[in-house]
Amino acid sequence: MAGMGKFIYWDTHMELMAAHNMILIPFFLAIAGISQVIGSICILINKQVLFCALYFALMVLIINFNLHDFWNVYPDVDTAHETQNFIKNLGVVAAFLLLAAVHIDNSVESYLK
């Protein structure tokens, strides 16, 4: 849903990124949306799970520190909401790292059989 949302709510995401003084906004937004859609499909069909989980963990961290930087004040950006998003996203990063760890463990276990 997050990947599709990048395209459905393109202007909203562009405005948020512009409010945070990001560069190359259309490029990064398109890359984020495309990679989220493709990576999600890969995880669902159990292909390249380790790579996708680690990629998503890194991507969420980058997004977190660039777009949910609650310690900075931006016009028309709710600091409390950004704090909530930042903390929530740390949980998402942990989930992706857990998925990667479980996938590694399952791969090693299958190899040893």
N, C-alpha and C. Protein backbone atom coordinates (compact mmCIF):
# COMPACT_ATOMS: atom_id res chain seq x y z
N MET A 1 0.82 -1.20 0.00
CA MET A 1 0.00 0.00 0.00
C MET A 1 0.87 1.27 0.00
N ALA A 2 1.97 1.25 0.74
CA ALA A 2 2.81 2.45 0.80
C ALA A 2 3.37 2.78 -0.58
N GLY A 3 3.76 1.75 -1.33
CA GLY A 3 4.31 1.97 -2.66
C GLY A 3 3.27 2.54 -3.61
N MET A 4 2.09 1.98 -3.59
CA MET A 4 1.01 2.49 -4.44
C MET A 4 0.60 3.90 -4.01
N GLY A 5 0.63 4.14 -2.71
CA GLY A 5 0.27 5.46 -2.19
C GLY A 5 1.19 6.56 -2.70
N LYS A 6 2.44 6.20 -2.97
CA LYS A 6 3.38 7.19 -3.50
C LYS A 6 2.87 7.75 -4.83
N PHE A 7 2.21 6.90 -5.62
CA PHE A 7 1.70 7.33 -6.93
C PHE A 7 0.29 7.90 -6.84
N ILE A 8 -0.53 7.32 -5.98
CA ILE A 8 -1.90 7.80 -5.82
C ILE A 8 -1.92 9.20 -5.21
N TYR A 9 -1.06 9.43 -4.23
CA TYR A 9 -0.98 10.73 -3.54
C TYR A 9 0.33 11.43 -3.87
N TRP A 10 0.69 11.41 -5.14
CA TRP A 10 1.95 11.95 -5.62
C TRP A 10 2.18 13.38 -5.13
N ASP A 11 1.20 14.26 -5.33
CA ASP A 11 1.36 15.67 -4.97
C ASP A 11 1.57 15.86 -3.47
N THR A 12 0.86 15.08 -2.66
CA THR A 12 1.01 15.18 -1.21
C THR A 12 2.43 14.81 -0.79
N HIS A 13 2.95 13.72 -1.37
CA HIS A 13 4.32 13.30 -1.06
C HIS A 13 5.34 14.32 -1.57
N MET A 14 5.07 14.89 -2.74
CA MET A 14 5.98 15.91 -3.29
C MET A 14 6.04 17.12 -2.35
N GLU A 15 4.88 17.54 -1.83
CA GLU A 15 4.83 18.69 -0.93
C GLU A 15 5.58 18.40 0.38
N LEU A 16 5.39 17.19 0.92
CA LEU A 16 6.07 16.82 2.15
C LEU A 16 7.58 16.83 1.95
N MET A 17 8.03 16.26 0.85
CA MET A 17 9.46 16.21 0.57
C MET A 17 10.02 17.62 0.34
N ALA A 18 9.25 18.46 -0.35
CA ALA A 18 9.68 19.85 -0.59
C ALA A 18 9.77 20.62 0.72
N ALA A 19 8.81 20.37 1.64
CA ALA A 19 8.83 21.05 2.93
C ALA A 19 10.06 20.69 3.74
N HIS A 20 10.66 19.53 3.45
CA HIS A 20 11.87 19.08 4.15
C HIS A 20 13.13 19.36 3.33
N ASN A 21 12.99 20.21 2.33
CA ASN A 21 14.13 20.67 1.51
C ASN A 21 14.89 19.53 0.83
N MET A 22 14.19 18.49 0.43
CA MET A 22 14.85 17.39 -0.27
C MET A 22 15.18 17.78 -1.70
N ILE A 23 16.13 17.10 -2.28
CA ILE A 23 16.53 17.34 -3.67
C ILE A 23 16.03 16.19 -4.54
N LEU A 24 15.98 16.41 -5.83
CA LEU A 24 15.58 15.38 -6.81
C LEU A 24 14.29 14.67 -6.39
N ILE A 25 13.31 15.44 -5.96
CA ILE A 25 12.10 14.87 -5.38
C ILE A 25 11.38 13.89 -6.30
N PRO A 26 11.08 14.24 -7.54
CA PRO A 26 10.35 13.27 -8.39
C PRO A 26 11.13 11.95 -8.56
N PHE A 27 12.45 12.05 -8.70
CA PHE A 27 13.28 10.86 -8.87
C PHE A 27 13.21 9.97 -7.63
N PHE A 28 13.46 10.54 -6.45
CA PHE A 28 13.45 9.73 -5.22
C PHE A 28 12.07 9.19 -4.89
N LEU A 29 11.04 9.97 -5.18
CA LEU A 29 9.68 9.50 -4.92
C LEU A 29 9.32 8.33 -5.83
N ALA A 30 9.70 8.42 -7.10
CA ALA A 30 9.43 7.33 -8.03
C ALA A 30 10.20 6.07 -7.65
N ILE A 31 11.47 6.23 -7.30
CA ILE A 31 12.29 5.09 -6.88
C ILE A 31 11.69 4.43 -5.64
N ALA A 32 11.26 5.25 -4.67
CA ALA A 32 10.66 4.70 -3.45
C ALA A 32 9.40 3.92 -3.78
N GLY A 33 8.53 4.49 -4.59
CA GLY A 33 7.27 3.83 -4.93
C GLY A 33 7.48 2.54 -5.70
N ILE A 34 8.31 2.58 -6.71
CA ILE A 34 8.57 1.39 -7.53
C ILE A 34 9.22 0.29 -6.69
N SER A 35 10.22 0.66 -5.89
CA SER A 35 10.91 -0.36 -5.10
C SER A 35 10.00 -0.94 -4.02
N GLN A 36 9.10 -0.14 -3.47
CA GLN A 36 8.17 -0.67 -2.46
C GLN A 36 7.18 -1.65 -3.09
N VAL A 37 6.71 -1.35 -4.27
CA VAL A 37 5.77 -2.27 -4.94
C VAL A 37 6.49 -3.57 -5.30
N ILE A 38 7.61 -3.47 -5.98
CA ILE A 38 8.34 -4.67 -6.42
C ILE A 38 8.86 -5.46 -5.23
N GLY A 39 9.44 -4.77 -4.24
CA GLY A 39 9.96 -5.47 -3.06
C GLY A 39 8.87 -6.18 -2.27
N SER A 40 7.72 -5.56 -2.16
CA SER A 40 6.61 -6.19 -1.45
C SER A 40 6.15 -7.46 -2.16
N ILE A 41 6.06 -7.38 -3.46
CA ILE A 41 5.68 -8.58 -4.24
C ILE A 41 6.71 -9.68 -4.05
N CYS A 42 7.98 -9.32 -4.09
CA CYS A 42 9.05 -10.32 -3.89
C CYS A 42 8.93 -10.99 -2.52
N ILE A 43 8.68 -10.20 -1.49
CA ILE A 43 8.54 -10.79 -0.15
C ILE A 43 7.32 -11.70 -0.11
N LEU A 44 6.22 -11.28 -0.71
CA LEU A 44 4.99 -12.09 -0.70
C LEU A 44 5.17 -13.43 -1.42
N ILE A 45 5.97 -13.43 -2.48
CA ILE A 45 6.19 -14.69 -3.22
C ILE A 45 7.48 -15.40 -2.79
N ASN A 46 8.09 -14.90 -1.71
CA ASN A 46 9.27 -15.52 -1.11
C ASN A 46 10.48 -15.55 -2.05
N LYS A 47 10.70 -14.46 -2.73
CA LYS A 47 11.87 -14.32 -3.62
C LYS A 47 12.70 -13.12 -3.17
N GLN A 48 13.99 -13.29 -3.03
CA GLN A 48 14.90 -12.22 -2.63
C GLN A 48 14.47 -11.56 -1.32
N VAL A 49 13.97 -12.36 -0.39
CA VAL A 49 13.44 -11.84 0.87
C VAL A 49 14.52 -11.13 1.68
N LEU A 50 15.68 -11.72 1.79
CA LEU A 50 16.76 -11.12 2.58
C LEU A 50 17.14 -9.75 2.03
N PHE A 51 17.37 -9.68 0.73
CA PHE A 51 17.74 -8.41 0.11
C PHE A 51 16.64 -7.37 0.31
N CYS A 52 15.39 -7.75 0.05
CA CYS A 52 14.28 -6.80 0.17
C CYS A 52 14.10 -6.33 1.61
N ALA A 53 14.20 -7.23 2.56
CA ALA A 53 14.03 -6.86 3.97
C ALA A 53 15.12 -5.88 4.40
N LEU A 54 16.36 -6.15 4.03
CA LEU A 54 17.46 -5.25 4.39
C LEU A 54 17.35 -3.92 3.65
N TYR A 55 16.95 -3.97 2.39
CA TYR A 55 16.74 -2.74 1.61
C TYR A 55 15.65 -1.89 2.24
N PHE A 56 14.54 -2.51 2.61
CA PHE A 56 13.44 -1.78 3.22
C PHE A 56 13.83 -1.20 4.58
N ALA A 57 14.60 -1.95 5.36
CA ALA A 57 15.06 -1.43 6.66
C ALA A 57 15.90 -0.17 6.45
N LEU A 58 16.82 -0.23 5.50
CA LEU A 58 17.67 0.93 5.21
C LEU A 58 16.83 2.09 4.65
N MET A 59 15.90 1.78 3.76
CA MET A 59 15.06 2.80 3.16
C MET A 59 14.22 3.52 4.22
N VAL A 60 13.63 2.75 5.13
CA VAL A 60 12.81 3.35 6.19
C VAL A 60 13.67 4.23 7.10
N LEU A 61 14.88 3.80 7.40
CA LEU A 61 15.77 4.64 8.21
C LEU A 61 16.09 5.95 7.50
N ILE A 62 16.37 5.87 6.22
CA ILE A 62 16.68 7.10 5.45
C ILE A 62 15.47 8.02 5.41
N ILE A 63 14.30 7.44 5.15
CA ILE A 63 13.06 8.24 5.15
C ILE A 63 12.82 8.84 6.52
N ASN A 64 13.03 8.04 7.55
CA ASN A 64 12.79 8.51 8.92
C ASN A 64 13.62 9.75 9.24
N PHE A 65 14.90 9.70 8.94
CA PHE A 65 15.78 10.81 9.30
C PHE A 65 15.64 12.01 8.37
N ASN A 66 15.07 11.80 7.18
CA ASN A 66 14.89 12.91 6.24
C ASN A 66 13.50 13.52 6.27
N LEU A 67 12.48 12.72 6.50
CA LEU A 67 11.11 13.22 6.43
C LEU A 67 10.37 13.26 7.76
N HIS A 68 10.84 12.54 8.74
CA HIS A 68 10.17 12.52 10.04
C HIS A 68 11.10 13.04 11.13
N ASP A 69 11.90 14.01 10.75
CA ASP A 69 12.87 14.61 11.67
C ASP A 69 12.16 15.61 12.59
N PHE A 70 11.50 15.07 13.59
CA PHE A 70 10.68 15.85 14.50
C PHE A 70 11.47 16.90 15.27
N TRP A 71 12.78 16.76 15.36
CA TRP A 71 13.61 17.70 16.10
C TRP A 71 13.81 19.00 15.32
N ASN A 72 13.46 19.01 14.03
CA ASN A 72 13.51 20.25 13.24
C ASN A 72 12.09 20.80 13.10
N VAL A 73 11.97 22.09 12.98
CA VAL A 73 10.65 22.72 12.83
C VAL A 73 10.49 23.19 11.39
N TYR A 74 9.40 22.76 10.76
CA TYR A 74 9.08 23.15 9.39
C TYR A 74 7.69 23.78 9.37
N PRO A 75 7.47 24.74 8.50
CA PRO A 75 6.13 25.32 8.40
C PRO A 75 5.11 24.26 7.99
N ASP A 76 3.96 24.31 8.61
CA ASP A 76 2.84 23.41 8.29
C ASP A 76 3.14 21.93 8.52
N VAL A 77 4.13 21.59 9.35
CA VAL A 77 4.44 20.21 9.68
C VAL A 77 4.21 20.02 11.18
N ASP A 78 3.36 19.07 11.52
CA ASP A 78 3.00 18.80 12.92
C ASP A 78 4.10 17.98 13.59
N THR A 79 4.80 18.60 14.53
CA THR A 79 5.92 17.95 15.21
C THR A 79 5.49 16.70 15.96
N ALA A 80 4.35 16.75 16.63
CA ALA A 80 3.87 15.57 17.38
C ALA A 80 3.60 14.40 16.43
N HIS A 81 3.01 14.69 15.28
CA HIS A 81 2.73 13.64 14.31
C HIS A 81 4.03 13.05 13.75
N GLU A 82 5.00 13.91 13.50
CA GLU A 82 6.29 13.44 12.98
C GLU A 82 7.02 12.60 14.01
N THR A 83 6.90 12.96 15.29
CA THR A 83 7.49 12.15 16.37
C THR A 83 6.86 10.77 16.38
N GLN A 84 5.54 10.72 16.27
CA GLN A 84 4.83 9.44 16.23
C GLN A 84 5.27 8.61 15.03
N ASN A 85 5.37 9.23 13.85
CA ASN A 85 5.83 8.51 12.66
C ASN A 85 7.24 7.99 12.83
N PHE A 86 8.12 8.80 13.42
CA PHE A 86 9.51 8.41 13.62
C PHE A 86 9.59 7.16 14.50
N ILE A 87 8.89 7.18 15.62
CA ILE A 87 8.92 6.04 16.54
C ILE A 87 8.28 4.80 15.91
N LYS A 88 7.16 4.98 15.22
CA LYS A 88 6.51 3.87 14.53
C LYS A 88 7.46 3.24 13.51
N ASN A 89 8.15 4.09 12.77
CA ASN A 89 9.06 3.59 11.75
C ASN A 89 10.25 2.83 12.33
N LEU A 90 10.66 3.17 13.55
CA LEU A 90 11.71 2.37 14.20
C LEU A 90 11.22 0.95 14.43
N GLY A 91 9.95 0.79 14.76
CA GLY A 91 9.35 -0.54 14.89
C GLY A 91 9.31 -1.26 13.55
N VAL A 92 9.03 -0.52 12.49
CA VAL A 92 9.01 -1.11 11.15
C VAL A 92 10.41 -1.59 10.76
N VAL A 93 11.42 -0.78 11.07
CA VAL A 93 12.81 -1.19 10.80
C VAL A 93 13.13 -2.47 11.56
N ALA A 94 12.74 -2.54 12.82
CA ALA A 94 12.98 -3.74 13.62
C ALA A 94 12.29 -4.95 12.99
N ALA A 95 11.09 -4.76 12.49
CA ALA A 95 10.36 -5.86 11.85
C ALA A 95 11.08 -6.35 10.60
N PHE A 96 11.58 -5.43 9.79
CA PHE A 96 12.32 -5.83 8.59
C PHE A 96 13.62 -6.56 8.95
N LEU A 97 14.30 -6.09 10.00
CA LEU A 97 15.53 -6.78 10.44
C LEU A 97 15.20 -8.17 10.99
N LEU A 98 14.09 -8.29 11.67
CA LEU A 98 13.65 -9.60 12.16
C LEU A 98 13.33 -10.53 11.00
N LEU A 99 12.65 -10.01 9.99
CA LEU A 99 12.34 -10.81 8.80
C LEU A 99 13.64 -11.29 8.14
N ALA A 100 14.61 -10.41 8.04
CA ALA A 100 15.90 -10.79 7.45
C ALA A 100 16.58 -11.87 8.29
N ALA A 101 16.56 -11.71 9.61
CA ALA A 101 17.20 -12.69 10.49
C ALA A 101 16.51 -14.05 10.40
N VAL A 102 15.20 -14.06 10.37
CA VAL A 102 14.46 -15.33 10.25
C VAL A 102 14.76 -15.97 8.91
N HIS A 103 14.85 -15.17 7.87
CA HIS A 103 15.15 -15.72 6.54
C HIS A 103 16.55 -16.33 6.51
N ILE A 104 17.51 -15.65 7.14
CA ILE A 104 18.87 -16.20 7.21
C ILE A 104 18.86 -17.51 7.99
N ASP A 105 18.18 -17.52 9.14
CA ASP A 105 18.11 -18.72 9.97
C ASP A 105 17.48 -19.88 9.20
N ASN A 106 16.39 -19.61 8.50
CA ASN A 106 15.74 -20.66 7.70
C ASN A 106 16.63 -21.15 6.56
N SER A 107 17.38 -20.22 5.96
CA SER A 107 18.28 -20.61 4.87
C SER A 107 19.40 -21.51 5.38
N VAL A 108 19.98 -21.15 6.52
CA VAL A 108 21.06 -21.96 7.11
C VAL A 108 20.51 -23.31 7.51
N GLU A 109 19.33 -23.34 8.11
CA GLU A 109 18.72 -24.59 8.54
C GLU A 109 18.45 -25.51 7.35
N SER A 110 17.95 -24.94 6.25
CA SER A 110 17.69 -25.74 5.04
C SER A 110 18.98 -26.28 4.45
N TYR A 111 20.03 -25.45 4.49
CA TYR A 111 21.32 -25.86 3.95
C TYR A 111 21.91 -27.02 4.75
N LEU A 112 21.71 -27.01 6.06
CA LEU A 112 22.30 -28.04 6.92
C LEU A 112 21.56 -29.39 6.84
N LYS A 113 20.36 -29.37 6.32
CA LYS A 113 19.60 -30.64 6.25
C LYS A 113 20.10 -31.55 5.18
